[in-house]
């Protein structure tokens, strides 16, 4: 229940405050969102499997976002940012769909 209230407050704050992302960080925002989604889907899967650990979830969430952003940043410095961004999105996308399939199998027994 607390998570739902926090989500509602966060969405309302985002809508009313209209925060802006600095220009230098804009290329990393989509990658950070995909990395965060990977951690969230992994957390939901772990909860359904009965092995969820809140400390592990927080560490996974933060480290996924930081590592994905670091990989894209290094790619930008090497001049291959687009390719590494695509690679990060593909890898995290595969993990998201894998977790989504496990969640679906758990919920629908299919």
PDB file of N, CA and C in Angstrom:
ATOM      1  N   UNK A   1       0.816  -1.196   0.000  1.00  0.00           N
ATOM      2  CA  UNK A   1       0.000   0.000   0.000  1.00  0.00           C
ATOM      3  C   UNK A   1       0.860   1.260   0.000  1.00  0.00           C
ATOM      4  N   UNK A   2       1.938   1.216   0.756  1.00  0.00           N
ATOM      5  CA  UNK A   2       2.830   2.373   0.807  1.00  0.00           C
ATOM      6  C   UNK A   2       3.448   2.633  -0.565  1.00  0.00           C
ATOM      7  N   UNK A   3       3.775   1.555  -1.275  1.00  0.00           N
ATOM      8  CA  UNK A   3       4.375   1.717  -2.600  1.00  0.00           C
ATOM      9  C   UNK A   3       3.406   2.378  -3.573  1.00  0.00           C
ATOM     10  N   UNK A   4       2.135   2.016  -3.507  1.00  0.00           N
ATOM     11  CA  UNK A   4       1.128   2.602  -4.397  1.00  0.00           C
ATOM     12  C   UNK A   4       0.948   4.085  -4.082  1.00  0.00           C
ATOM     13  N   UNK A   5       0.920   4.430  -2.814  1.00  0.00           N
ATOM     14  CA  UNK A   5       0.794   5.844  -2.414  1.00  0.00           C
ATOM     15  C   UNK A   5       2.023   6.630  -2.880  1.00  0.00           C
ATOM     16  N   UNK A   6       3.207   6.052  -2.686  1.00  0.00           N
ATOM     17  CA  UNK A   6       4.441   6.723  -3.122  1.00  0.00           C
ATOM     18  C   UNK A   6       4.459   6.906  -4.633  1.00  0.00           C
ATOM     19  N   UNK A   7       3.996   5.901  -5.367  1.00  0.00           N
ATOM     20  CA  UNK A   7       3.922   6.011  -6.826  1.00  0.00           C
ATOM     21  C   UNK A   7       2.972   7.127  -7.241  1.00  0.00           C
ATOM     22  N   UNK A   8       1.811   7.195  -6.605  1.00  0.00           N
ATOM     23  CA  UNK A   8       0.831   8.240  -6.924  1.00  0.00           C
ATOM     24  C   UNK A   8       1.396   9.624  -6.624  1.00  0.00           C
ATOM     25  N   UNK A   9       2.074   9.763  -5.499  1.00  0.00           N
ATOM     26  CA  UNK A   9       2.687  11.054  -5.149  1.00  0.00           C
ATOM     27  C   UNK A   9       3.769  11.418  -6.154  1.00  0.00           C
ATOM     28  N   UNK A  10       4.574  10.447  -6.543  1.00  0.00           N
ATOM     29  CA  UNK A  10       5.637  10.705  -7.518  1.00  0.00           C
ATOM     30  C   UNK A  10       5.106  11.104  -8.880  1.00  0.00           C
ATOM     31  N   UNK A  11       4.063  10.431  -9.338  1.00  0.00           N
ATOM     32  CA  UNK A  11       3.446  10.780 -10.627  1.00  0.00           C
ATOM     33  C   UNK A  11       2.834  12.173 -10.557  1.00  0.00           C
ATOM     34  N   UNK A  12       2.133  12.466  -9.475  1.00  0.00           N
ATOM     35  CA  UNK A  12       1.523  13.796  -9.326  1.00  0.00           C
ATOM     36  C   UNK A  12       2.601  14.877  -9.277  1.00  0.00           C
ATOM     37  N   UNK A  13       3.681  14.627  -8.551  1.00  0.00           N
ATOM     38  CA  UNK A  13       4.766  15.612  -8.478  1.00  0.00           C
ATOM     39  C   UNK A  13       5.385  15.826  -9.848  1.00  0.00           C
ATOM     40  N   UNK A  14       5.565  14.759 -10.611  1.00  0.00           N
ATOM     41  CA  UNK A  14       6.128  14.889 -11.956  1.00  0.00           C
ATOM     42  C   UNK A  14       5.234  15.676 -12.889  1.00  0.00           C
ATOM     43  N   UNK A  15       3.933  15.477 -12.767  1.00  0.00           N
ATOM     44  CA  UNK A  15       2.988  16.186 -13.633  1.00  0.00           C
ATOM     45  C   UNK A  15       2.918  17.669 -13.275  1.00  0.00           C
ATOM     46  N   UNK A  16       2.844  17.971 -11.993  1.00  0.00           N
ATOM     47  CA  UNK A  16       2.654  19.364 -11.578  1.00  0.00           C
ATOM     48  C   UNK A  16       3.954  20.165 -11.576  1.00  0.00           C
ATOM     49  N   UNK A  17       5.069  19.551 -11.230  1.00  0.00           N
ATOM     50  CA  UNK A  17       6.336  20.286 -11.163  1.00  0.00           C
ATOM     51  C   UNK A  17       7.062  20.355 -12.500  1.00  0.00           C
ATOM     52  N   UNK A  18       6.735  19.443 -13.410  1.00  0.00           N
ATOM     53  CA  UNK A  18       7.350  19.385 -14.738  1.00  0.00           C
ATOM     54  C   UNK A  18       8.874  19.543 -14.667  1.00  0.00           C
ATOM     55  N   UNK A  19       9.558  18.589 -14.047  1.00  0.00           N
ATOM     56  CA  UNK A  19      11.022  18.708 -13.934  1.00  0.00           C
ATOM     57  C   UNK A  19      11.680  18.593 -15.302  1.00  0.00           C
ATOM     58  N   UNK A  20      12.824  19.251 -15.447  1.00  0.00           N
ATOM     59  CA  UNK A  20      13.579  19.183 -16.690  1.00  0.00           C
ATOM     60  C   UNK A  20      14.878  18.429 -16.435  1.00  0.00           C
ATOM     61  N   UNK A  21      15.319  17.737 -17.459  1.00  0.00           N
ATOM     62  CA  UNK A  21      16.568  16.986 -17.382  1.00  0.00           C
ATOM     63  C   UNK A  21      17.640  17.837 -18.045  1.00  0.00           C
ATOM     64  N   UNK A  22      18.783  18.035 -17.388  1.00  0.00           N
ATOM     65  CA  UNK A  22      19.856  18.804 -18.018  1.00  0.00           C
ATOM     66  C   UNK A  22      20.245  18.201 -19.363  1.00  0.00           C
ATOM     67  N   UNK A  23      20.629  19.058 -20.285  1.00  0.00           N
ATOM     68  CA  UNK A  23      20.938  18.639 -21.650  1.00  0.00           C
ATOM     69  C   UNK A  23      22.012  17.556 -21.681  1.00  0.00           C
ATOM     70  N   UNK A  24      23.004  17.653 -20.830  1.00  0.00           N
ATOM     71  CA  UNK A  24      24.083  16.674 -20.831  1.00  0.00           C
ATOM     72  C   UNK A  24      23.665  15.289 -20.361  1.00  0.00           C
ATOM     73  N   UNK A  25      22.574  15.227 -19.598  1.00  0.00           N
ATOM     74  CA  UNK A  25      22.111  13.935 -19.088  1.00  0.00           C
ATOM     75  C   UNK A  25      20.996  13.312 -19.931  1.00  0.00           C
ATOM     76  N   UNK A  26      20.473  14.046 -20.886  1.00  0.00           N
ATOM     77  CA  UNK A  26      19.355  13.541 -21.672  1.00  0.00           C
ATOM     78  C   UNK A  26      19.650  12.246 -22.427  1.00  0.00           C
ATOM     79  N   UNK A  27      20.852  12.028 -22.973  1.00  0.00           N
ATOM     80  CA  UNK A  27      21.084  10.754 -23.666  1.00  0.00           C
ATOM     81  C   UNK A  27      21.055   9.543 -22.727  1.00  0.00           C
ATOM     82  N   UNK A  28      21.262   9.766 -21.439  1.00  0.00           N
ATOM     83  CA  UNK A  28      21.340   8.659 -20.496  1.00  0.00           C
ATOM     84  C   UNK A  28      20.002   8.328 -19.850  1.00  0.00           C
ATOM     85  N   UNK A  29      19.038   9.217 -19.932  1.00  0.00           N
ATOM     86  CA  UNK A  29      17.748   9.005 -19.284  1.00  0.00           C
ATOM     87  C   UNK A  29      17.013   7.780 -19.814  1.00  0.00           C
ATOM     88  N   UNK A  30      16.889   7.587 -21.136  1.00  0.00           N
ATOM     89  CA  UNK A  30      16.186   6.380 -21.604  1.00  0.00           C
ATOM     90  C   UNK A  30      16.869   5.090 -21.157  1.00  0.00           C
ATOM     91  N   UNK A  31      18.189   5.091 -21.145  1.00  0.00           N
ATOM     92  CA  UNK A  31      18.925   3.906 -20.714  1.00  0.00           C
ATOM     93  C   UNK A  31      18.674   3.659 -19.229  1.00  0.00           C
ATOM     94  N   UNK A  32      18.666   4.710 -18.443  1.00  0.00           N
ATOM     95  CA  UNK A  32      18.412   4.572 -17.007  1.00  0.00           C
ATOM     96  C   UNK A  32      17.002   4.049 -16.755  1.00  0.00           C
ATOM     97  N   UNK A  33      16.042   4.494 -17.537  1.00  0.00           N
ATOM     98  CA  UNK A  33      14.660   4.033 -17.366  1.00  0.00           C
ATOM     99  C   UNK A  33      14.555   2.546 -17.698  1.00  0.00           C
ATOM    100  N   UNK A  34      15.186   2.125 -18.786  1.00  0.00           N
ATOM    101  CA  UNK A  34      15.148   0.706 -19.162  1.00  0.00           C
ATOM    102  C   UNK A  34      15.846  -0.143 -18.088  1.00  0.00           C
ATOM    103  N   UNK A  35      16.972   0.341 -17.566  1.00  0.00           N
ATOM    104  CA  UNK A  35      17.680  -0.387 -16.509  1.00  0.00           C
ATOM    105  C   UNK A  35      16.823  -0.470 -15.252  1.00  0.00           C
ATOM    106  N   UNK A  36      16.119   0.603 -14.923  1.00  0.00           N
ATOM    107  CA  UNK A  36      15.239   0.591 -13.754  1.00  0.00           C
ATOM    108  C   UNK A  36      14.068  -0.375 -13.967  1.00  0.00           C
ATOM    109  N   UNK A  37      13.519  -0.397 -15.174  1.00  0.00           N
ATOM    110  CA  UNK A  37      12.440  -1.336 -15.474  1.00  0.00           C
ATOM    111  C   UNK A  37      12.912  -2.779 -15.338  1.00  0.00           C
ATOM    112  N   UNK A  38      14.154  -3.042 -15.740  1.00  0.00           N
ATOM    113  CA  UNK A  38      14.712  -4.386 -15.580  1.00  0.00           C
ATOM    114  C   UNK A  38      14.724  -4.781 -14.110  1.00  0.00           C
ATOM    115  N   UNK A  39      15.154  -3.876 -13.251  1.00  0.00           N
ATOM    116  CA  UNK A  39      15.190  -4.173 -11.818  1.00  0.00           C
ATOM    117  C   UNK A  39      13.782  -4.363 -11.259  1.00  0.00           C
ATOM    118  N   UNK A  40      12.831  -3.561 -11.704  1.00  0.00           N
ATOM    119  CA  UNK A  40      11.455  -3.672 -11.213  1.00  0.00           C
ATOM    120  C   UNK A  40      10.844  -5.014 -11.624  1.00  0.00           C
ATOM    121  N   UNK A  41      11.004  -5.388 -12.893  1.00  0.00           N
ATOM    122  CA  UNK A  41      10.460  -6.673 -13.339  1.00  0.00           C
ATOM    123  C   UNK A  41      11.146  -7.831 -12.624  1.00  0.00           C
ATOM    124  N   UNK A  42      12.440  -7.706 -12.382  1.00  0.00           N
ATOM    125  CA  UNK A  42      13.154  -8.728 -11.615  1.00  0.00           C
ATOM    126  C   UNK A  42      12.634  -8.812 -10.189  1.00  0.00           C
ATOM    127  N   UNK A  43      12.322  -7.672  -9.594  1.00  0.00           N
ATOM    128  CA  UNK A  43      11.773  -7.655  -8.244  1.00  0.00           C
ATOM    129  C   UNK A  43      10.397  -8.279  -8.170  1.00  0.00           C
ATOM    130  N   UNK A  44       9.557  -7.984  -9.157  1.00  0.00           N
ATOM    131  CA  UNK A  44       8.214  -8.585  -9.186  1.00  0.00           C
ATOM    132  C   UNK A  44       8.325 -10.097  -9.340  1.00  0.00           C
ATOM    133  N   UNK A  45       9.223 -10.522 -10.225  1.00  0.00           N
ATOM    134  CA  UNK A  45       9.417 -11.964 -10.416  1.00  0.00           C
ATOM    135  C   UNK A  45       9.903 -12.619  -9.118  1.00  0.00           C
ATOM    136  N   UNK A  46      10.858 -11.987  -8.453  1.00  0.00           N
ATOM    137  CA  UNK A  46      11.372 -12.542  -7.201  1.00  0.00           C
ATOM    138  C   UNK A  46      10.274 -12.602  -6.144  1.00  0.00           C
ATOM    139  N   UNK A  47       9.423 -11.590  -6.089  1.00  0.00           N
ATOM    140  CA  UNK A  47       8.315 -11.576  -5.120  1.00  0.00           C
ATOM    141  C   UNK A  47       7.359 -12.733  -5.385  1.00  0.00           C
ATOM    142  N   UNK A  48       7.047 -12.955  -6.655  1.00  0.00           N
ATOM    143  CA  UNK A  48       6.141 -14.046  -6.993  1.00  0.00           C
ATOM    144  C   UNK A  48       6.773 -15.409  -6.735  1.00  0.00           C
ATOM    145  N   UNK A  49       8.088 -15.500  -6.879  1.00  0.00           N
ATOM    146  CA  UNK A  49       8.797 -16.750  -6.601  1.00  0.00           C
ATOM    147  C   UNK A  49       9.059 -16.951  -5.115  1.00  0.00           C
ATOM    148  N   UNK A  50       8.763 -15.920  -4.314  1.00  0.00           N
ATOM    149  CA  UNK A  50       8.933 -16.019  -2.876  1.00  0.00           C
ATOM    150  C   UNK A  50      10.363 -15.839  -2.402  1.00  0.00           C
ATOM    151  N   UNK A  51      11.198 -15.202  -3.219  1.00  0.00           N
ATOM    152  CA  UNK A  51      12.610 -15.013  -2.852  1.00  0.00           C
ATOM    153  C   UNK A  51      13.009 -13.541  -2.842  1.00  0.00           C
ATOM    154  N   UNK A  52      12.036 -12.650  -2.739  1.00  0.00           N
ATOM    155  CA  UNK A  52      12.316 -11.214  -2.792  1.00  0.00           C
ATOM    156  C   UNK A  52      13.065 -10.766  -1.541  1.00  0.00           C
ATOM    157  N   UNK A  53      14.095  -9.956  -1.759  1.00  0.00           N
ATOM    158  CA  UNK A  53      14.855  -9.351  -0.662  1.00  0.00           C
ATOM    159  C   UNK A  53      14.951  -7.858  -0.958  1.00  0.00           C
ATOM    160  N   UNK A  54      14.444  -7.030  -0.059  1.00  0.00           N
ATOM    161  CA  UNK A  54      14.387  -5.590  -0.329  1.00  0.00           C
ATOM    162  C   UNK A  54      15.771  -4.973  -0.487  1.00  0.00           C
ATOM    163  N   UNK A  55      16.746  -5.416   0.283  1.00  0.00           N
ATOM    164  CA  UNK A  55      18.095  -4.861   0.153  1.00  0.00           C
ATOM    165  C   UNK A  55      18.700  -5.212  -1.206  1.00  0.00           C
ATOM    166  N   UNK A  56      18.487  -6.460  -1.621  1.00  0.00           N
ATOM    167  CA  UNK A  56      19.004  -6.879  -2.921  1.00  0.00           C
ATOM    168  C   UNK A  56      18.314  -6.102  -4.046  1.00  0.00           C
ATOM    169  N   UNK A  57      17.020  -5.826  -3.893  1.00  0.00           N
ATOM    170  CA  UNK A  57      16.299  -5.065  -4.906  1.00  0.00           C
ATOM    171  C   UNK A  57      16.856  -3.653  -5.037  1.00  0.00           C
ATOM    172  N   UNK A  58      17.073  -2.982  -3.916  1.00  0.00           N
ATOM    173  CA  UNK A  58      17.592  -1.611  -3.957  1.00  0.00           C
ATOM    174  C   UNK A  58      18.980  -1.585  -4.590  1.00  0.00           C
ATOM    175  N   UNK A  59      19.839  -2.516  -4.193  1.00  0.00           N
ATOM    176  CA  UNK A  59      21.184  -2.576  -4.770  1.00  0.00           C
ATOM    177  C   UNK A  59      21.103  -2.872  -6.263  1.00  0.00           C
ATOM    178  N   UNK A  60      20.234  -3.797  -6.654  1.00  0.00           N
ATOM    179  CA  UNK A  60      20.066  -4.129  -8.066  1.00  0.00           C
ATOM    180  C   UNK A  60      19.559  -2.919  -8.858  1.00  0.00           C
ATOM    181  N   UNK A  61      18.580  -2.222  -8.302  1.00  0.00           N
ATOM    182  CA  UNK A  61      17.996  -1.060  -8.972  1.00  0.00           C
ATOM    183  C   UNK A  61      19.062   0.006  -9.219  1.00  0.00           C
ATOM    184  N   UNK A  62      19.769   0.374  -8.164  1.00  0.00           N
ATOM    185  CA  UNK A  62      20.783   1.436  -8.279  1.00  0.00           C
ATOM    186  C   UNK A  62      21.937   0.995  -9.169  1.00  0.00           C
ATOM    187  N   UNK A  63      22.417  -0.221  -8.981  1.00  0.00           N
ATOM    188  CA  UNK A  63      23.576  -0.669  -9.772  1.00  0.00           C
ATOM    189  C   UNK A  63      23.210  -0.843 -11.238  1.00  0.00           C
ATOM    190  N   UNK A  64      22.002  -1.331 -11.548  1.00  0.00           N
ATOM    191  CA  UNK A  64      21.592  -1.442 -12.951  1.00  0.00           C
ATOM    192  C   UNK A  64      21.622  -0.080 -13.635  1.00  0.00           C
ATOM    193  N   UNK A  65      21.057   0.913 -12.967  1.00  0.00           N
ATOM    194  CA  UNK A  65      21.006   2.255 -13.560  1.00  0.00           C
ATOM    195  C   UNK A  65      22.417   2.818 -13.726  1.00  0.00           C
ATOM    196  N   UNK A  66      23.247   2.695 -12.705  1.00  0.00           N
ATOM    197  CA  UNK A  66      24.599   3.252 -12.779  1.00  0.00           C
ATOM    198  C   UNK A  66      25.466   2.538 -13.812  1.00  0.00           C
ATOM    199  N   UNK A  67      25.409   1.215 -13.847  1.00  0.00           N
ATOM    200  CA  UNK A  67      26.229   0.468 -14.805  1.00  0.00           C
ATOM    201  C   UNK A  67      25.776   0.747 -16.238  1.00  0.00           C
ATOM    202  N   UNK A  68      24.476   0.772 -16.476  1.00  0.00           N
ATOM    203  CA  UNK A  68      23.985   1.065 -17.822  1.00  0.00           C
ATOM    204  C   UNK A  68      24.402   2.467 -18.258  1.00  0.00           C
ATOM    205  N   UNK A  69      24.262   3.444 -17.374  1.00  0.00           N
ATOM    206  CA  UNK A  69      24.668   4.814 -17.711  1.00  0.00           C
ATOM    207  C   UNK A  69      26.174   4.898 -17.927  1.00  0.00           C
ATOM    208  N   UNK A  70      26.942   4.178 -17.119  1.00  0.00           N
ATOM    209  CA  UNK A  70      28.399   4.176 -17.284  1.00  0.00           C
ATOM    210  C   UNK A  70      28.810   3.569 -18.619  1.00  0.00           C
ATOM    211  N   UNK A  71      28.170   2.493 -19.015  1.00  0.00           N
ATOM    212  CA  UNK A  71      28.493   1.871 -20.302  1.00  0.00           C
ATOM    213  C   UNK A  71      28.202   2.832 -21.440  1.00  0.00           C
ATOM    214  N   UNK A  72      27.065   3.502 -21.386  1.00  0.00           N
ATOM    215  CA  UNK A  72      26.720   4.458 -22.444  1.00  0.00           C
ATOM    216  C   UNK A  72      27.676   5.648 -22.419  1.00  0.00           C
ATOM    217  N   UNK A  73      28.031   6.112 -21.234  1.00  0.00           N
ATOM    218  CA  UNK A  73      28.984   7.224 -21.115  1.00  0.00           C
ATOM    219  C   UNK A  73      30.335   6.835 -21.722  1.00  0.00           C
ATOM    220  N   UNK A  74      30.827   5.647 -21.399  1.00  0.00           N
ATOM    221  CA  UNK A  74      32.097   5.193 -21.979  1.00  0.00           C
ATOM    222  C   UNK A  74      31.991   5.067 -23.488  1.00  0.00           C
ATOM    223  N   UNK A  75      30.853   4.595 -23.955  1.00  0.00           N
ATOM    224  CA  UNK A  75      30.634   4.518 -25.402  1.00  0.00           C
ATOM    225  C   UNK A  75      30.668   5.890 -26.050  1.00  0.00           C
ATOM    226  N   UNK A  76      30.091   6.879 -25.394  1.00  0.00           N
ATOM    227  CA  UNK A  76      30.143   8.252 -25.917  1.00  0.00           C
ATOM    228  C   UNK A  76      31.582   8.752 -25.972  1.00  0.00           C
ATOM    229  N   UNK A  77      32.345   8.448 -24.938  1.00  0.00           N
ATOM    230  CA  UNK A  77      33.743   8.890 -24.905  1.00  0.00           C
ATOM    231  C   UNK A  77      34.569   8.206 -25.991  1.00  0.00           C
ATOM    232  N   UNK A  78      34.212   6.971 -26.327  1.00  0.00           N
ATOM    233  CA  UNK A  78      34.939   6.225 -27.360  1.00  0.00           C
ATOM    234  C   UNK A  78      34.396   6.486 -28.758  1.00  0.00           C
ATOM    235  N   UNK A  79      33.286   7.194 -28.835  1.00  0.00           N
ATOM    236  CA  UNK A  79      32.702   7.509 -30.134  1.00  0.00           C
ATOM    237  C   UNK A  79      31.750   6.443 -30.653  1.00  0.00           C
ATOM    238  N   UNK A  80      31.357   5.510 -29.811  1.00  0.00           N
ATOM    239  CA  UNK A  80      30.440   4.458 -30.226  1.00  0.00           C
ATOM    240  C   UNK A  80      29.229   4.413 -29.286  1.00  0.00           C
ATOM    241  N   UNK A  81      28.795   5.571 -28.836  1.00  0.00           N
ATOM    242  CA  UNK A  81      27.699   5.645 -27.868  1.00  0.00           C
ATOM    243  C   UNK A  81      26.413   5.046 -28.385  1.00  0.00           C
ATOM    244  N   UNK A  82      26.104   5.277 -29.642  1.00  0.00           N
ATOM    245  CA  UNK A  82      24.873   4.738 -30.215  1.00  0.00           C
ATOM    246  C   UNK A  82      24.852   3.223 -30.223  1.00  0.00           C
ATOM    247  N   UNK A  83      25.983   2.627 -30.590  1.00  0.00           N
ATOM    248  CA  UNK A  83      26.058   1.170 -30.638  1.00  0.00           C
ATOM    249  C   UNK A  83      25.956   0.566 -29.237  1.00  0.00           C
ATOM    250  N   UNK A  84      26.650   1.176 -28.271  1.00  0.00           N
ATOM    251  CA  UNK A  84      26.581   0.648 -26.910  1.00  0.00           C
ATOM    252  C   UNK A  84      25.207   0.884 -26.291  1.00  0.00           C
ATOM    253  N   UNK A  85      24.578   2.005 -26.623  1.00  0.00           N
ATOM    254  CA  UNK A  85      23.211   2.242 -26.140  1.00  0.00           C
ATOM    255  C   UNK A  85      22.280   1.159 -26.664  1.00  0.00           C
ATOM    256  N   UNK A  86      22.406   0.841 -27.930  1.00  0.00           N
ATOM    257  CA  UNK A  86      21.585  -0.214 -28.519  1.00  0.00           C
ATOM    258  C   UNK A  86      21.863  -1.547 -27.841  1.00  0.00           C
ATOM    259  N   UNK A  87      23.128  -1.829 -27.603  1.00  0.00           N
ATOM    260  CA  UNK A  87      23.490  -3.083 -26.938  1.00  0.00           C
ATOM    261  C   UNK A  87      22.906  -3.180 -25.545  1.00  0.00           C
ATOM    262  N   UNK A  88      22.971  -2.093 -24.793  1.00  0.00           N
ATOM    263  CA  UNK A  88      22.426  -2.081 -23.432  1.00  0.00           C
ATOM    264  C   UNK A  88      20.916  -2.288 -23.480  1.00  0.00           C
ATOM    265  N   UNK A  89      20.237  -1.611 -24.385  1.00  0.00           N
ATOM    266  CA  UNK A  89      18.779  -1.742 -24.488  1.00  0.00           C
ATOM    267  C   UNK A  89      18.403  -3.163 -24.894  1.00  0.00           C
ATOM    268  N   UNK A  90      19.158  -3.760 -25.801  1.00  0.00           N
ATOM    269  CA  UNK A  90      18.856  -5.132 -26.223  1.00  0.00           C
ATOM    270  C   UNK A  90      19.026  -6.101 -25.056  1.00  0.00           C
ATOM    271  N   UNK A  91      20.154  -6.007 -24.364  1.00  0.00           N
ATOM    272  CA  UNK A  91      20.410  -6.921 -23.245  1.00  0.00           C
ATOM    273  C   UNK A  91      19.358  -6.749 -22.149  1.00  0.00           C
ATOM    274  N   UNK A  92      19.093  -5.516 -21.766  1.00  0.00           N
ATOM    275  CA  UNK A  92      18.095  -5.285 -20.721  1.00  0.00           C
ATOM    276  C   UNK A  92      16.693  -5.642 -21.208  1.00  0.00           C
ATOM    277  N   UNK A  93      16.426  -5.404 -22.478  1.00  0.00           N
ATOM    278  CA  UNK A  93      15.129  -5.785 -23.049  1.00  0.00           C
ATOM    279  C   UNK A  93      14.902  -7.281 -22.996  1.00  0.00           C
ATOM    280  N   UNK A  94      15.929  -8.054 -23.302  1.00  0.00           N
ATOM    281  CA  UNK A  94      15.823  -9.510 -23.220  1.00  0.00           C
ATOM    282  C   UNK A  94      15.528  -9.930 -21.780  1.00  0.00           C
ATOM    283  N   UNK A  95      16.216  -9.293 -20.827  1.00  0.00           N
ATOM    284  CA  UNK A  95      15.977  -9.623 -19.418  1.00  0.00           C
ATOM    285  C   UNK A  95      14.564  -9.230 -18.989  1.00  0.00           C
ATOM    286  N   UNK A  96      14.091  -8.083 -19.445  1.00  0.00           N
ATOM    287  CA  UNK A  96      12.733  -7.640 -19.109  1.00  0.00           C
ATOM    288  C   UNK A  96      11.711  -8.629 -19.650  1.00  0.00           C
ATOM    289  N   UNK A  97      11.862  -9.035 -20.912  1.00  0.00           N
ATOM    290  CA  UNK A  97      10.904  -9.970 -21.494  1.00  0.00           C
ATOM    291  C   UNK A  97      10.995 -11.346 -20.848  1.00  0.00           C
ATOM    292  N   UNK A  98      12.175 -11.754 -20.450  1.00  0.00           N
ATOM    293  CA  UNK A  98      12.338 -13.020 -19.737  1.00  0.00           C
ATOM    294  C   UNK A  98      11.615 -12.975 -18.394  1.00  0.00           C
ATOM    295  N   UNK A  99      11.801 -11.889 -17.656  1.00  0.00           N
ATOM    296  CA  UNK A  99      11.097 -11.731 -16.381  1.00  0.00           C
ATOM    297  C   UNK A  99       9.588 -11.615 -16.584  1.00  0.00           C
ATOM    298  N   UNK A 100       9.169 -10.901 -17.631  1.00  0.00           N
ATOM    299  CA  UNK A 100       7.738 -10.764 -17.909  1.00  0.00           C
ATOM    300  C   UNK A 100       7.129 -12.123 -18.238  1.00  0.00           C
ATOM    301  N   UNK A 101       7.858 -12.965 -18.977  1.00  0.00           N
ATOM    302  CA  UNK A 101       7.360 -14.305 -19.290  1.00  0.00           C
ATOM    303  C   UNK A 101       7.242 -15.146 -18.024  1.00  0.00           C
ATOM    304  N   UNK A 102       8.215 -15.038 -17.125  1.00  0.00           N
ATOM    305  CA  UNK A 102       8.146 -15.785 -15.866  1.00  0.00           C
ATOM    306  C   UNK A 102       6.984 -15.294 -15.012  1.00  0.00           C
ATOM    307  N   UNK A 103       6.743 -13.984 -15.003  1.00  0.00           N
ATOM    308  CA  UNK A 103       5.613 -13.432 -14.253  1.00  0.00           C
ATOM    309  C   UNK A 103       4.303 -13.940 -14.842  1.00  0.00           C
ATOM    310  N   UNK A 104       4.212 -13.923 -16.158  1.00  0.00           N
ATOM    311  CA  UNK A 104       3.002 -14.413 -16.826  1.00  0.00           C
ATOM    312  C   UNK A 104       2.760 -15.892 -16.507  1.00  0.00           C
ATOM    313  N   UNK A 105       3.832 -16.705 -16.578  1.00  0.00           N
ATOM    314  CA  UNK A 105       3.681 -18.134 -16.264  1.00  0.00           C
ATOM    315  C   UNK A 105       3.218 -18.329 -14.825  1.00  0.00           C
ATOM    316  N   UNK A 106       3.747 -17.504 -13.939  1.00  0.00           N
ATOM    317  CA  UNK A 106       3.362 -17.629 -12.524  1.00  0.00           C
ATOM    318  C   UNK A 106       1.916 -17.210 -12.290  1.00  0.00           C
ATOM    319  N   UNK A 107       1.499 -16.119 -12.893  1.00  0.00           N
ATOM    320  CA  UNK A 107       0.150 -15.598 -12.660  1.00  0.00           C
ATOM    321  C   UNK A 107      -0.924 -16.417 -13.368  1.00  0.00           C
ATOM    322  N   UNK A 108      -0.647 -16.841 -14.597  1.00  0.00           N
ATOM    323  CA  UNK A 108      -1.662 -17.520 -15.402  1.00  0.00           C
ATOM    324  C   UNK A 108      -1.447 -19.020 -15.523  1.00  0.00           C
ATOM    325  N   UNK A 109      -0.382 -19.507 -14.894  1.00  0.00           N
ATOM    326  CA  UNK A 109      -0.046 -20.928 -14.958  1.00  0.00           C
ATOM    327  C   UNK A 109       0.031 -21.418 -16.397  1.00  0.00           C
ATOM    328  N   UNK A 110       0.559 -20.526 -17.272  1.00  0.00           N
ATOM    329  CA  UNK A 110       0.653 -20.876 -18.697  1.00  0.00           C
ATOM    330  C   UNK A 110       2.061 -20.656 -19.205  1.00  0.00           C
TER     331      UNK A 110
END
